[in-house]
PDB file of N, CA and C in Angstrom:
ATOM      1  N   MET A   1     284.205  65.801 149.069  1.00  0.00           N
ATOM      2  CA  MET A   1     283.572  65.453 150.688  1.00  0.00           C
ATOM      3  C   MET A   1     282.634  65.004 150.555  1.00  0.00           C
ATOM      4  N   VAL A   2     282.195  64.309 151.646  1.00  0.00           N
ATOM      5  CA  VAL A   2     281.102  63.792 152.195  1.00  0.00           C
ATOM      6  C   VAL A   2     280.549  64.610 153.118  1.00  0.00           C
ATOM      7  N   ASN A   3     279.220  65.557 153.178  1.00  0.00           N
ATOM      8  CA  ASN A   3     278.757  66.396 154.017  1.00  0.00           C
ATOM      9  C   ASN A   3     277.361  66.271 154.078  1.00  0.00           C
ATOM     10  N   ASN A   4     276.633  67.125 154.823  1.00  0.00           N
ATOM     11  CA  ASN A   4     275.433  66.710 155.051  1.00  0.00           C
ATOM     12  C   ASN A   4     274.491  66.912 154.039  1.00  0.00           C
ATOM     13  N   LYS A   5     274.901  68.137 153.228  1.00  0.00           N
ATOM     14  CA  LYS A   5     274.209  68.021 151.745  1.00  0.00           C
ATOM     15  C   LYS A   5     274.291  67.369 150.596  1.00  0.00           C
ATOM     16  N   VAL A   6     275.483  66.483 150.595  1.00  0.00           N
ATOM     17  CA  VAL A   6     275.563  65.500 149.659  1.00  0.00           C
ATOM     18  C   VAL A   6     274.973  64.153 150.336  1.00  0.00           C
ATOM     19  N   ILE A   7     274.780  64.013 151.456  1.00  0.00           N
ATOM     20  CA  ILE A   7     273.901  63.007 151.967  1.00  0.00           C
ATOM     21  C   ILE A   7     272.596  63.101 151.656  1.00  0.00           C
ATOM     22  N   GLU A   8     271.931  64.096 152.014  1.00  0.00           N
ATOM     23  CA  GLU A   8     270.296  64.494 151.878  1.00  0.00           C
ATOM     24  C   GLU A   8     270.242  64.112 150.140  1.00  0.00           C
ATOM     25  N   GLU A   9     271.429  64.666 148.873  1.00  0.00           N
ATOM     26  CA  GLU A   9     271.068  64.553 147.640  1.00  0.00           C
ATOM     27  C   GLU A   9     270.933  63.529 147.434  1.00  0.00           C
ATOM     28  N   ILE A  10     271.825  61.937 147.929  1.00  0.00           N
ATOM     29  CA  ILE A  10     272.093  61.043 147.693  1.00  0.00           C
ATOM     30  C   ILE A  10     270.486  60.543 147.994  1.00  0.00           C
ATOM     31  N   TYR A  11     270.363  60.287 149.229  1.00  0.00           N
ATOM     32  CA  TYR A  11     268.911  60.049 149.538  1.00  0.00           C
ATOM     33  C   TYR A  11     267.771  60.366 148.882  1.00  0.00           C
ATOM     34  N   LYS A  12     267.679  61.625 147.870  1.00  0.00           N
ATOM     35  CA  LYS A  12     267.047  62.362 146.986  1.00  0.00           C
ATOM     36  C   LYS A  12     266.972  61.184 145.510  1.00  0.00           C
ATOM     37  N   ARG A  13     268.590  61.528 145.258  1.00  0.00           N
ATOM     38  CA  ARG A  13     268.720  60.892 144.095  1.00  0.00           C
ATOM     39  C   ARG A  13     268.243  59.251 143.938  1.00  0.00           C
ATOM     40  N   TYR A  14     268.594  58.457 144.812  1.00  0.00           N
ATOM     41  CA  TYR A  14     268.757  56.740 145.044  1.00  0.00           C
ATOM     42  C   TYR A  14     267.330  56.736 146.159  1.00  0.00           C
ATOM     43  N   ASP A  15     266.250  57.393 146.103  1.00  0.00           N
ATOM     44  CA  ASP A  15     265.261  56.958 146.641  1.00  0.00           C
ATOM     45  C   ASP A  15     264.324  55.793 146.015  1.00  0.00           C
ATOM     46  N   LYS A  16     265.109  55.193 144.799  1.00  0.00           N
ATOM     47  CA  LYS A  16     264.227  54.077 144.476  1.00  0.00           C
ATOM     48  C   LYS A  16     265.239  52.934 144.300  1.00  0.00           C
ATOM     49  N   ARG A  17     264.610  51.741 144.446  1.00  0.00           N
ATOM     50  CA  ARG A  17     265.546  50.576 144.003  1.00  0.00           C
ATOM     51  C   ARG A  17     266.191  50.458 142.550  1.00  0.00           C
ATOM     52  N   PRO A  18     267.049  49.533 142.105  1.00  0.00           N
ATOM     53  CA  PRO A  18     267.004  49.606 140.674  1.00  0.00           C
ATOM     54  C   PRO A  18     266.262  48.551 140.144  1.00  0.00           C
ATOM     55  N   LYS A  19     265.633  48.375 138.716  1.00  0.00           N
ATOM     56  CA  LYS A  19     264.771  47.498 138.730  1.00  0.00           C
ATOM     57  C   LYS A  19     265.657  45.894 138.758  1.00  0.00           C
ATOM     58  N   SER A  20     266.674  45.789 138.981  1.00  0.00           N
ATOM     59  CA  SER A  20     267.210  44.330 139.149  1.00  0.00           C
ATOM     60  C   SER A  20     268.674  44.791 139.847  1.00  0.00           C
ATOM     61  N   THR A  21     268.942  43.721 140.720  1.00  0.00           N
ATOM     62  CA  THR A  21     270.588  44.006 141.348  1.00  0.00           C
ATOM     63  C   THR A  21     271.416  43.881 140.240  1.00  0.00           C
ATOM     64  N   ASP A  22     271.451  43.443 139.073  1.00  0.00           N
ATOM     65  CA  ASP A  22     272.592  43.386 138.091  1.00  0.00           C
ATOM     66  C   ASP A  22     273.112  44.734 137.518  1.00  0.00           C
ATOM     67  N   CYS A  23     271.740  45.816 138.215  1.00  0.00           N
ATOM     68  CA  CYS A  23     272.280  47.000 137.636  1.00  0.00           C
ATOM     69  C   CYS A  23     272.964  47.847 138.495  1.00  0.00           C
ATOM     70  N   LEU A  24     273.499  47.244 139.941  1.00  0.00           N
ATOM     71  CA  LEU A  24     274.092  47.809 140.919  1.00  0.00           C
ATOM     72  C   LEU A  24     275.522  47.392 140.362  1.00  0.00           C
ATOM     73  N   ASP A  25     276.618  48.359 140.658  1.00  0.00           N
ATOM     74  CA  ASP A  25     278.239  47.991 140.648  1.00  0.00           C
ATOM     75  C   ASP A  25     278.506  47.292 141.594  1.00  0.00           C
ATOM     76  N   PHE A  26     278.504  46.088 141.672  1.00  0.00           N
ATOM     77  CA  PHE A  26     279.564  45.457 142.596  1.00  0.00           C
ATOM     78  C   PHE A  26     280.914  45.599 142.410  1.00  0.00           C
ATOM     79  N   GLY A  27     281.482  45.959 141.229  1.00  0.00           N
ATOM     80  CA  GLY A  27     282.754  45.813 140.720  1.00  0.00           C
ATOM     81  C   GLY A  27     283.125  47.207 141.971  1.00  0.00           C
ATOM     82  N   LEU A  28     282.606  47.808 142.200  1.00  0.00           N
ATOM     83  CA  LEU A  28     283.192  49.067 143.192  1.00  0.00           C
ATOM     84  C   LEU A  28     283.666  48.365 144.303  1.00  0.00           C
ATOM     85  N   LEU A  29     282.808  47.756 145.009  1.00  0.00           N
ATOM     86  CA  LEU A  29     283.049  47.142 146.168  1.00  0.00           C
ATOM     87  C   LEU A  29     284.486  45.962 146.146  1.00  0.00           C
ATOM     88  N   PHE A  30     284.798  45.231 144.651  1.00  0.00           N
ATOM     89  CA  PHE A  30     285.515  43.983 144.716  1.00  0.00           C
ATOM     90  C   PHE A  30     286.708  45.161 144.546  1.00  0.00           C
ATOM     91  N   GLU A  31     286.715  45.890 143.763  1.00  0.00           N
ATOM     92  CA  GLU A  31     287.751  46.555 143.580  1.00  0.00           C
ATOM     93  C   GLU A  31     288.350  47.517 144.349  1.00  0.00           C
ATOM     94  N   HIS A  32     288.003  48.329 145.335  1.00  0.00           N
ATOM     95  CA  HIS A  32     288.415  48.932 146.047  1.00  0.00           C
ATOM     96  C   HIS A  32     287.933  49.126 147.551  1.00  0.00           C
ATOM     97  N   VAL A  33     287.260  48.311 147.964  1.00  0.00           N
ATOM     98  CA  VAL A  33     287.099  48.006 149.456  1.00  0.00           C
ATOM     99  C   VAL A  33     287.087  46.449 149.900  1.00  0.00           C
ATOM    100  N   ALA A  34     287.031  45.522 149.016  1.00  0.00           N
ATOM    101  CA  ALA A  34     287.214  44.502 149.568  1.00  0.00           C
ATOM    102  C   ALA A  34     288.344  43.514 150.576  1.00  0.00           C
ATOM    103  N   GLU A  35     289.501  44.148 150.298  1.00  0.00           N
ATOM    104  CA  GLU A  35     290.786  43.835 150.121  1.00  0.00           C
ATOM    105  C   GLU A  35     290.519  43.890 152.168  1.00  0.00           C
ATOM    106  N   HIS A  36     290.156  45.362 152.374  1.00  0.00           N
ATOM    107  CA  HIS A  36     290.257  45.917 153.666  1.00  0.00           C
ATOM    108  C   HIS A  36     288.605  45.309 154.618  1.00  0.00           C
ATOM    109  N   HIS A  37     287.462  45.156 153.656  1.00  0.00           N
ATOM    110  CA  HIS A  37     286.232  45.008 154.625  1.00  0.00           C
ATOM    111  C   HIS A  37     285.638  43.063 154.587  1.00  0.00           C
ATOM    112  N   ASP A  38     286.486  42.863 153.044  1.00  0.00           N
ATOM    113  CA  ASP A  38     285.917  41.012 153.650  1.00  0.00           C
ATOM    114  C   ASP A  38     284.728  41.027 153.110  1.00  0.00           C
ATOM    115  N   ILE A  39     284.455  42.072 151.913  1.00  0.00           N
ATOM    116  CA  ILE A  39     283.129  41.490 150.934  1.00  0.00           C
ATOM    117  C   ILE A  39     282.587  40.326 150.454  1.00  0.00           C
ATOM    118  N   GLN A  40     281.474  39.723 150.521  1.00  0.00           N
ATOM    119  CA  GLN A  40     281.302  38.545 150.142  1.00  0.00           C
ATOM    120  C   GLN A  40     279.847  38.452 149.683  1.00  0.00           C
ATOM    121  N   VAL A  41     279.422  38.272 148.656  1.00  0.00           N
ATOM    122  CA  VAL A  41     277.902  38.140 148.180  1.00  0.00           C
ATOM    123  C   VAL A  41     277.477  36.352 148.503  1.00  0.00           C
ATOM    124  N   ASP A  42     276.542  36.340 149.245  1.00  0.00           N
ATOM    125  CA  ASP A  42     276.055  35.069 149.287  1.00  0.00           C
ATOM    126  C   ASP A  42     274.600  34.966 148.506  1.00  0.00           C
ATOM    127  N   MET A  43     275.057  34.198 147.575  1.00  0.00           N
ATOM    128  CA  MET A  43     273.738  34.095 146.560  1.00  0.00           C
ATOM    129  C   MET A  43     272.412  33.561 146.943  1.00  0.00           C
ATOM    130  N   ASP A  44     272.943  32.447 147.706  1.00  0.00           N
ATOM    131  CA  ASP A  44     271.804  31.250 148.289  1.00  0.00           C
ATOM    132  C   ASP A  44     270.823  32.356 148.870  1.00  0.00           C
ATOM    133  N   SER A  45     271.196  33.101 149.914  1.00  0.00           N
ATOM    134  CA  SER A  45     270.209  34.229 150.658  1.00  0.00           C
ATOM    135  C   SER A  45     270.341  35.306 150.160  1.00  0.00           C
ATOM    136  N   ASN A  46     270.872  35.916 148.938  1.00  0.00           N
ATOM    137  CA  ASN A  46     270.561  37.161 148.236  1.00  0.00           C
ATOM    138  C   ASN A  46     271.220  38.316 149.373  1.00  0.00           C
ATOM    139  N   GLU A  47     272.370  37.914 149.916  1.00  0.00           N
ATOM    140  CA  GLU A  47     272.793  38.556 150.738  1.00  0.00           C
ATOM    141  C   GLU A  47     274.089  39.667 150.426  1.00  0.00           C
ATOM    142  N   LEU A  48     274.214  40.819 150.851  1.00  0.00           N
ATOM    143  CA  LEU A  48     276.159  41.360 150.690  1.00  0.00           C
ATOM    144  C   LEU A  48     276.490  41.267 152.170  1.00  0.00           C
ATOM    145  N   ILE A  49     277.503  40.436 152.414  1.00  0.00           N
ATOM    146  CA  ILE A  49     278.341  40.318 153.608  1.00  0.00           C
ATOM    147  C   ILE A  49     279.157  41.003 153.907  1.00  0.00           C
ATOM    148  N   ILE A  50     279.703  41.956 155.072  1.00  0.00           N
ATOM    149  CA  ILE A  50     280.491  42.959 154.987  1.00  0.00           C
ATOM    150  C   ILE A  50     281.040  42.264 156.404  1.00  0.00           C
ATOM    151  N   ARG A  51     282.211  41.907 156.295  1.00  0.00           N
ATOM    152  CA  ARG A  51     282.885  40.786 157.705  1.00  0.00           C
ATOM    153  C   ARG A  51     283.260  42.014 158.577  1.00  0.00           C
ATOM    154  N   SER A  52     283.717  43.349 157.905  1.00  0.00           N
ATOM    155  CA  SER A  52     284.686  44.074 158.884  1.00  0.00           C
ATOM    156  C   SER A  52     283.558  44.817 159.603  1.00  0.00           C
ATOM    157  N   ILE A  53     282.339  44.437 159.443  1.00  0.00           N
ATOM    158  CA  ILE A  53     280.979  45.063 160.366  1.00  0.00           C
ATOM    159  C   ILE A  53     280.662  43.857 161.549  1.00  0.00           C
ATOM    160  N   ASP A  54     280.737  44.240 162.364  1.00  0.00           N
ATOM    161  CA  ASP A  54     280.132  43.221 163.886  1.00  0.00           C
ATOM    162  C   ASP A  54     279.121  42.257 163.466  1.00  0.00           C
ATOM    163  N   PRO A  55     279.115  41.121 163.495  1.00  0.00           N
ATOM    164  CA  PRO A  55     278.067  40.032 163.298  1.00  0.00           C
ATOM    165  C   PRO A  55     277.003  40.355 163.800  1.00  0.00           C
ATOM    166  N   SER A  56     276.834  40.883 164.896  1.00  0.00           N
ATOM    167  CA  SER A  56     275.679  41.247 165.547  1.00  0.00           C
ATOM    168  C   SER A  56     274.908  42.711 165.355  1.00  0.00           C
ATOM    169  N   SER A  57     275.793  43.057 164.059  1.00  0.00           N
ATOM    170  CA  SER A  57     275.024  44.802 163.631  1.00  0.00           C
ATOM    171  C   SER A  57     274.252  44.288 162.591  1.00  0.00           C
ATOM    172  N   PRO A  58     273.034  45.128 162.446  1.00  0.00           N
ATOM    173  CA  PRO A  58     271.979  44.951 161.305  1.00  0.00           C
ATOM    174  C   PRO A  58     272.988  45.205 160.045  1.00  0.00           C
ATOM    175  N   PHE A  59     274.083  45.819 159.712  1.00  0.00           N
ATOM    176  CA  PHE A  59     274.446  45.889 158.829  1.00  0.00           C
ATOM    177  C   PHE A  59     275.577  45.271 158.270  1.00  0.00           C
ATOM    178  N   HIS A  60     275.393  44.079 158.872  1.00  0.00           N
ATOM    179  CA  HIS A  60     276.474  43.244 158.900  1.00  0.00           C
ATOM    180  C   HIS A  60     275.989  42.333 157.555  1.00  0.00           C
ATOM    181  N   ARG A  61     275.139  42.211 157.498  1.00  0.00           N
ATOM    182  CA  ARG A  61     274.212  41.251 156.430  1.00  0.00           C
ATOM    183  C   ARG A  61     273.238  41.889 155.774  1.00  0.00           C
ATOM    184  N   LEU A  62     273.320  42.306 154.329  1.00  0.00           N
ATOM    185  CA  LEU A  62     272.518  43.279 153.750  1.00  0.00           C
ATOM    186  C   LEU A  62     271.736  42.774 152.530  1.00  0.00           C
ATOM    187  N   PRO A  63     270.316  42.628 152.788  1.00  0.00           N
ATOM    188  CA  PRO A  63     269.524  41.658 151.508  1.00  0.00           C
ATOM    189  C   PRO A  63     269.970  42.789 150.182  1.00  0.00           C
ATOM    190  N   LEU A  64     270.066  41.656 149.173  1.00  0.00           N
ATOM    191  CA  LEU A  64     270.579  42.773 148.094  1.00  0.00           C
ATOM    192  C   LEU A  64     269.335  43.556 147.731  1.00  0.00           C
ATOM    193  N   SER A  65     268.032  43.040 147.922  1.00  0.00           N
ATOM    194  CA  SER A  65     267.418  43.918 147.056  1.00  0.00           C
ATOM    195  C   SER A  65     266.788  45.256 147.731  1.00  0.00           C
ATOM    196  N   GLY A  66     267.397  45.328 149.010  1.00  0.00           N
ATOM    197  CA  GLY A  66     267.634  46.458 149.750  1.00  0.00           C
ATOM    198  C   GLY A  66     268.272  47.552 149.377  1.00  0.00           C
ATOM    199  N   ILE A  67     269.232  47.267 148.460  1.00  0.00           N
ATOM    200  CA  ILE A  67     270.183  48.090 147.718  1.00  0.00           C
ATOM    201  C   ILE A  67     269.867  49.029 146.978  1.00  0.00           C
ATOM    202  N   HIS A  68     269.861  50.483 147.047  1.00  0.00           N
ATOM    203  CA  HIS A  68     269.504  51.327 146.000  1.00  0.00           C
ATOM    204  C   HIS A  68     270.634  51.593 145.134  1.00  0.00           C
ATOM    205  N   ALA A  69     271.577  51.587 145.647  1.00  0.00           N
ATOM    206  CA  ALA A  69     273.207  52.378 144.730  1.00  0.00           C
ATOM    207  C   ALA A  69     274.219  52.033 145.501  1.00  0.00           C
ATOM    208  N   ILE A  70     275.368  52.004 144.629  1.00  0.00           N
ATOM    209  CA  ILE A  70     276.747  51.664 145.199  1.00  0.00           C
ATOM    210  C   ILE A  70     277.803  52.748 144.551  1.00  0.00           C
ATOM    211  N   ILE A  71     278.103  54.067 145.600  1.00  0.00           N
ATOM    212  CA  ILE A  71     278.629  55.435 144.875  1.00  0.00           C
ATOM    213  C   ILE A  71     280.059  55.281 145.726  1.00  0.00           C
ATOM    214  N   PRO A  72     280.764  55.664 144.389  1.00  0.00           N
ATOM    215  CA  PRO A  72     282.168  55.918 144.804  1.00  0.00           C
ATOM    216  C   PRO A  72     282.336  57.684 145.461  1.00  0.00           C
ATOM    217  N   PHE A  73     283.592  57.647 145.975  1.00  0.00           N
ATOM    218  CA  PHE A  73     283.741  58.802 146.431  1.00  0.00           C
ATOM    219  C   PHE A  73     285.640  58.644 146.952  1.00  0.00           C
ATOM    220  N   GLU A  74     286.078  59.968 146.876  1.00  0.00           N
ATOM    221  CA  GLU A  74     287.141  59.647 146.893  1.00  0.00           C
ATOM    222  C   GLU A  74     288.180  58.771 147.807  1.00  0.00           C
ATOM    223  N   GLU A  75     287.433  58.927 149.138  1.00  0.00           N
ATOM    224  CA  GLU A  75     287.876  58.070 150.485  1.00  0.00           C
ATOM    225  C   GLU A  75     286.975  57.194 150.839  1.00  0.00           C
ATOM    226  N   TRP A  76     285.744  57.010 150.108  1.00  0.00           N
ATOM    227  CA  TRP A  76     284.487  56.150 150.624  1.00  0.00           C
ATOM    228  C   TRP A  76     284.097  55.544 149.401  1.00  0.00           C
ATOM    229  N   ILE A  77     283.265  54.418 149.506  1.00  0.00           N
ATOM    230  CA  ILE A  77     282.374  53.649 148.493  1.00  0.00           C
ATOM    231  C   ILE A  77     281.403  53.663 149.532  1.00  0.00           C
ATOM    232  N   ALA A  78     280.141  53.980 149.031  1.00  0.00           N
ATOM    233  CA  ALA A  78     278.812  54.106 149.693  1.00  0.00           C
ATOM    234  C   ALA A  78     277.904  53.538 149.074  1.00  0.00           C
ATOM    235  N   ILE A  79     277.033  52.943 150.276  1.00  0.00           N
ATOM    236  CA  ILE A  79     276.468  51.426 149.926  1.00  0.00           C
ATOM    237  C   ILE A  79     275.145  52.272 150.607  1.00  0.00           C
ATOM    238  N   VAL A  80     273.987  52.264 149.459  1.00  0.00           N
ATOM    239  CA  VAL A  80     273.127  53.333 149.453  1.00  0.00           C
ATOM    240  C   VAL A  80     271.652  52.262 150.031  1.00  0.00           C
ATOM    241  N   MET A  81     271.054  52.770 150.909  1.00  0.00           N
ATOM    242  CA  MET A  81     269.485  51.843 151.130  1.00  0.00           C
ATOM    243  C   MET A  81     268.698  53.207 151.682  1.00  0.00           C
ATOM    244  N   HIS A  82     267.316  52.491 151.403  1.00  0.00           N
ATOM    245  CA  HIS A  82     266.352  53.621 151.643  1.00  0.00           C
ATOM    246  C   HIS A  82     266.284  54.417 152.926  1.00  0.00           C
ATOM    247  N   SER A  83     266.858  53.734 153.926  1.00  0.00           N
ATOM    248  CA  SER A  83     266.638  54.664 155.402  1.00  0.00           C
ATOM    249  C   SER A  83     268.140  54.595 156.156  1.00  0.00           C
ATOM    250  N   SER A  84     269.361  54.688 155.318  1.00  0.00           N
ATOM    251  CA  SER A  84     270.996  54.071 155.587  1.00  0.00           C
ATOM    252  C   SER A  84     271.470  54.246 154.477  1.00  0.00           C
ATOM    253  N   ILE A  85     272.881  54.801 154.887  1.00  0.00           N
ATOM    254  CA  ILE A  85     274.221  54.520 153.810  1.00  0.00           C
ATOM    255  C   ILE A  85     274.904  53.827 154.594  1.00  0.00           C
ATOM    256  N   ILE A  86     275.825  53.003 154.152  1.00  0.00           N
ATOM    257  CA  ILE A  86     276.727  52.614 154.863  1.00  0.00           C
ATOM    258  C   ILE A  86     278.090  52.990 154.188  1.00  0.00           C
ATOM    259  N   PHE A  87     278.995  53.733 154.475  1.00  0.00           N
ATOM    260  CA  PHE A  87     280.557  54.207 154.193  1.00  0.00           C
ATOM    261  C   PHE A  87     281.732  53.338 154.402  1.00  0.00           C
ATOM    262  N   LEU A  88     282.221  52.810 153.539  1.00  0.00           N
ATOM    263  CA  LEU A  88     283.380  51.832 153.189  1.00  0.00           C
ATOM    264  C   LEU A  88     284.581  52.621 152.964  1.00  0.00           C
ATOM    265  N   ASN A  89     285.267  52.926 154.117  1.00  0.00           N
ATOM    266  CA  ASN A  89     286.994  53.631 153.662  1.00  0.00           C
ATOM    267  C   ASN A  89     287.640  52.572 152.962  1.00  0.00           C
ATOM    268  N   ARG A  90     288.490  53.318 151.819  1.00  0.00           N
ATOM    269  CA  ARG A  90     289.125  52.436 150.955  1.00  0.00           C
ATOM    270  C   ARG A  90     290.408  51.830 151.265  1.00  0.00           C
ATOM    271  N   GLN A  91     290.888  52.997 152.151  1.00  0.00           N
ATOM    272  CA  GLN A  91     292.450  52.617 152.627  1.00  0.00           C
ATOM    273  C   GLN A  91     292.350  51.793 154.316  1.00  0.00           C
ATOM    274  N   ASN A  92     291.380  51.533 154.992  1.00  0.00           N
ATOM    275  CA  ASN A  92     291.173  50.845 156.003  1.00  0.00           C
ATOM    276  C   ASN A  92     290.046  50.119 156.208  1.00  0.00           C
ATOM    277  N   THR A  93     289.998  49.554 157.307  1.00  0.00           N
ATOM    278  CA  THR A  93     288.999  49.043 157.729  1.00  0.00           C
ATOM    279  C   THR A  93     287.419  49.775 159.034  1.00  0.00           C
ATOM    280  N   ASN A  94     287.511  51.074 158.437  1.00  0.00           N
ATOM    281  CA  ASN A  94     286.808  52.372 158.925  1.00  0.00           C
ATOM    282  C   ASN A  94     285.451  51.992 158.007  1.00  0.00           C
ATOM    283  N   VAL A  95     284.338  52.282 159.213  1.00  0.00           N
ATOM    284  CA  VAL A  95     283.079  51.904 158.522  1.00  0.00           C
ATOM    285  C   VAL A  95     282.101  52.999 159.162  1.00  0.00           C
ATOM    286  N   SER A  96     281.514  53.934 158.330  1.00  0.00           N
ATOM    287  CA  SER A  96     280.515  55.023 158.931  1.00  0.00           C
ATOM    288  C   SER A  96     279.097  54.612 158.574  1.00  0.00           C
ATOM    289  N   VAL A  97     278.203  54.501 159.578  1.00  0.00           N
ATOM    290  CA  VAL A  97     276.985  54.358 158.829  1.00  0.00           C
ATOM    291  C   VAL A  97     275.860  55.882 159.143  1.00  0.00           C
ATOM    292  N   HIS A  98     275.691  56.425 158.090  1.00  0.00           N
ATOM    293  CA  HIS A  98     274.255  57.439 158.232  1.00  0.00           C
ATOM    294  C   HIS A  98     273.221  56.743 157.974  1.00  0.00           C
ATOM    295  N   LEU A  99     272.183  57.294 159.375  1.00  0.00           N
ATOM    296  CA  LEU A  99     270.766  57.095 159.182  1.00  0.00           C
ATOM    297  C   LEU A  99     269.975  58.116 159.172  1.00  0.00           C
ATOM    298  N   LYS A 100     269.087  57.957 158.397  1.00  0.00           N
ATOM    299  CA  LYS A 100     268.233  58.901 157.591  1.00  0.00           C
ATOM    300  C   LYS A 100     267.240  59.591 158.794  1.00  0.00           C
ATOM    301  N   PRO A 101     267.225  60.589 158.888  1.00  0.00           N
ATOM    302  CA  PRO A 101     266.266  61.262 159.980  1.00  0.00           C
ATOM    303  C   PRO A 101     264.928  61.267 159.928  1.00  0.00           C
ATOM    304  N   HIS A 102     263.886  60.932 160.726  1.00  0.00           N
ATOM    305  CA  HIS A 102     262.717  60.559 160.059  1.00  0.00           C
ATOM    306  C   HIS A 102     262.084  62.057 159.938  1.00  0.00           C
ATOM    307  N   LYS A 103     261.399  62.208 159.517  1.00  0.00           N
ATOM    308  CA  LYS A 103     260.190  63.474 158.961  1.00  0.00           C
ATOM    309  C   LYS A 103     258.870  62.745 158.990  1.00  0.00           C
ATOM    310  N   PRO A 104     258.290  63.419 159.950  1.00  0.00           N
ATOM    311  CA  PRO A 104     257.074  63.172 160.335  1.00  0.00           C
ATOM    312  C   PRO A 104     255.984  63.617 159.023  1.00  0.00           C
ATOM    313  N   ASN A 105     255.322  62.713 158.976  1.00  0.00           N
ATOM    314  CA  ASN A 105     254.213  63.006 157.693  1.00  0.00           C
ATOM    315  C   ASN A 105     253.195  63.923 157.746  1.00  0.00           C
ATOM    316  N   PHE A 106     252.047  64.436 157.152  1.00  0.00           N
ATOM    317  CA  PHE A 106     250.750  65.188 157.444  1.00  0.00           C
ATOM    318  C   PHE A 106     250.344  64.866 159.020  1.00  0.00           C
ATOM    319  N   TRP A 107     250.263  63.876 158.926  1.00  0.00           N
ATOM    320  CA  TRP A 107     249.109  63.226 160.076  1.00  0.00           C
ATOM    321  C   TRP A 107     249.842  63.411 161.575  1.00  0.00           C
ATOM    322  N   GLU A 108     250.942  63.337 161.270  1.00  0.00           N
ATOM    323  CA  GLU A 108     251.820  63.452 162.978  1.00  0.00           C
ATOM    324  C   GLU A 108     252.163  64.532 163.028  1.00  0.00           C
ATOM    325  N   ARG A 109     252.534  65.740 161.992  1.00  0.00           N
ATOM    326  CA  ARG A 109     252.457  66.858 162.014  1.00  0.00           C
ATOM    327  C   ARG A 109     251.202  67.716 162.627  1.00  0.00           C
ATOM    328  N   MET A 110     250.161  67.169 162.178  1.00  0.00           N
ATOM    329  CA  MET A 110     248.889  67.934 162.789  1.00  0.00           C
ATOM    330  C   MET A 110     248.237  67.265 164.448  1.00  0.00           C
ATOM    331  N   THR A 111     248.883  65.915 164.616  1.00  0.00           N
ATOM    332  CA  THR A 111     248.297  65.517 165.747  1.00  0.00           C
ATOM    333  C   THR A 111     249.521  65.931 166.851  1.00  0.00           C
ATOM    334  N   ASN A 112     250.586  66.448 166.513  1.00  0.00           N
ATOM    335  CA  ASN A 112     251.831  66.838 167.373  1.00  0.00           C
ATOM    336  C   ASN A 112     251.083  68.530 167.391  1.00  0.00           C
ATOM    337  N   ALA A 113     250.957  69.338 166.981  1.00  0.00           N
ATOM    338  CA  ALA A 113     250.174  70.793 166.706  1.00  0.00           C
ATOM    339  C   ALA A 113     249.283  70.949 167.498  1.00  0.00           C
ATOM    340  N   TYR A 114     248.227  70.135 167.936  1.00  0.00           N
ATOM    341  CA  TYR A 114     247.645  70.140 168.519  1.00  0.00           C
ATOM    342  C   TYR A 114     247.660  69.297 170.402  1.00  0.00           C
ATOM    343  N   ALA A 115     248.671  68.541 170.241  1.00  0.00           N
ATOM    344  CA  ALA A 115     249.185  68.048 172.106  1.00  0.00           C
ATOM    345  C   ALA A 115     249.732  68.669 172.902  1.00  0.00           C
TER     346      ALA A 115
END
């Protein structure tokens, strides 16, 4: 089950991009969710296109260089990026996006403490 604790752990574990996009397991996408989400890799523009997501969404086309990991779960396949995770359902066209909350840096915490 994917809960907030699991999501936090995903961000910690996959905080950096792989050395190469060849290290990503694109097979998970094409084996488990391509049928429902019409997944396509555009090699000319180096983008992953998810046609089940509205074309006006910033998550419709993802630069391959921005993907940190592709992780399988029981019901979902997760595409992990620096500040977001896209969950694609294995049985239908449902998509869920998690946006990483902003954590203020030291300077922001100091200036807000005296504001």
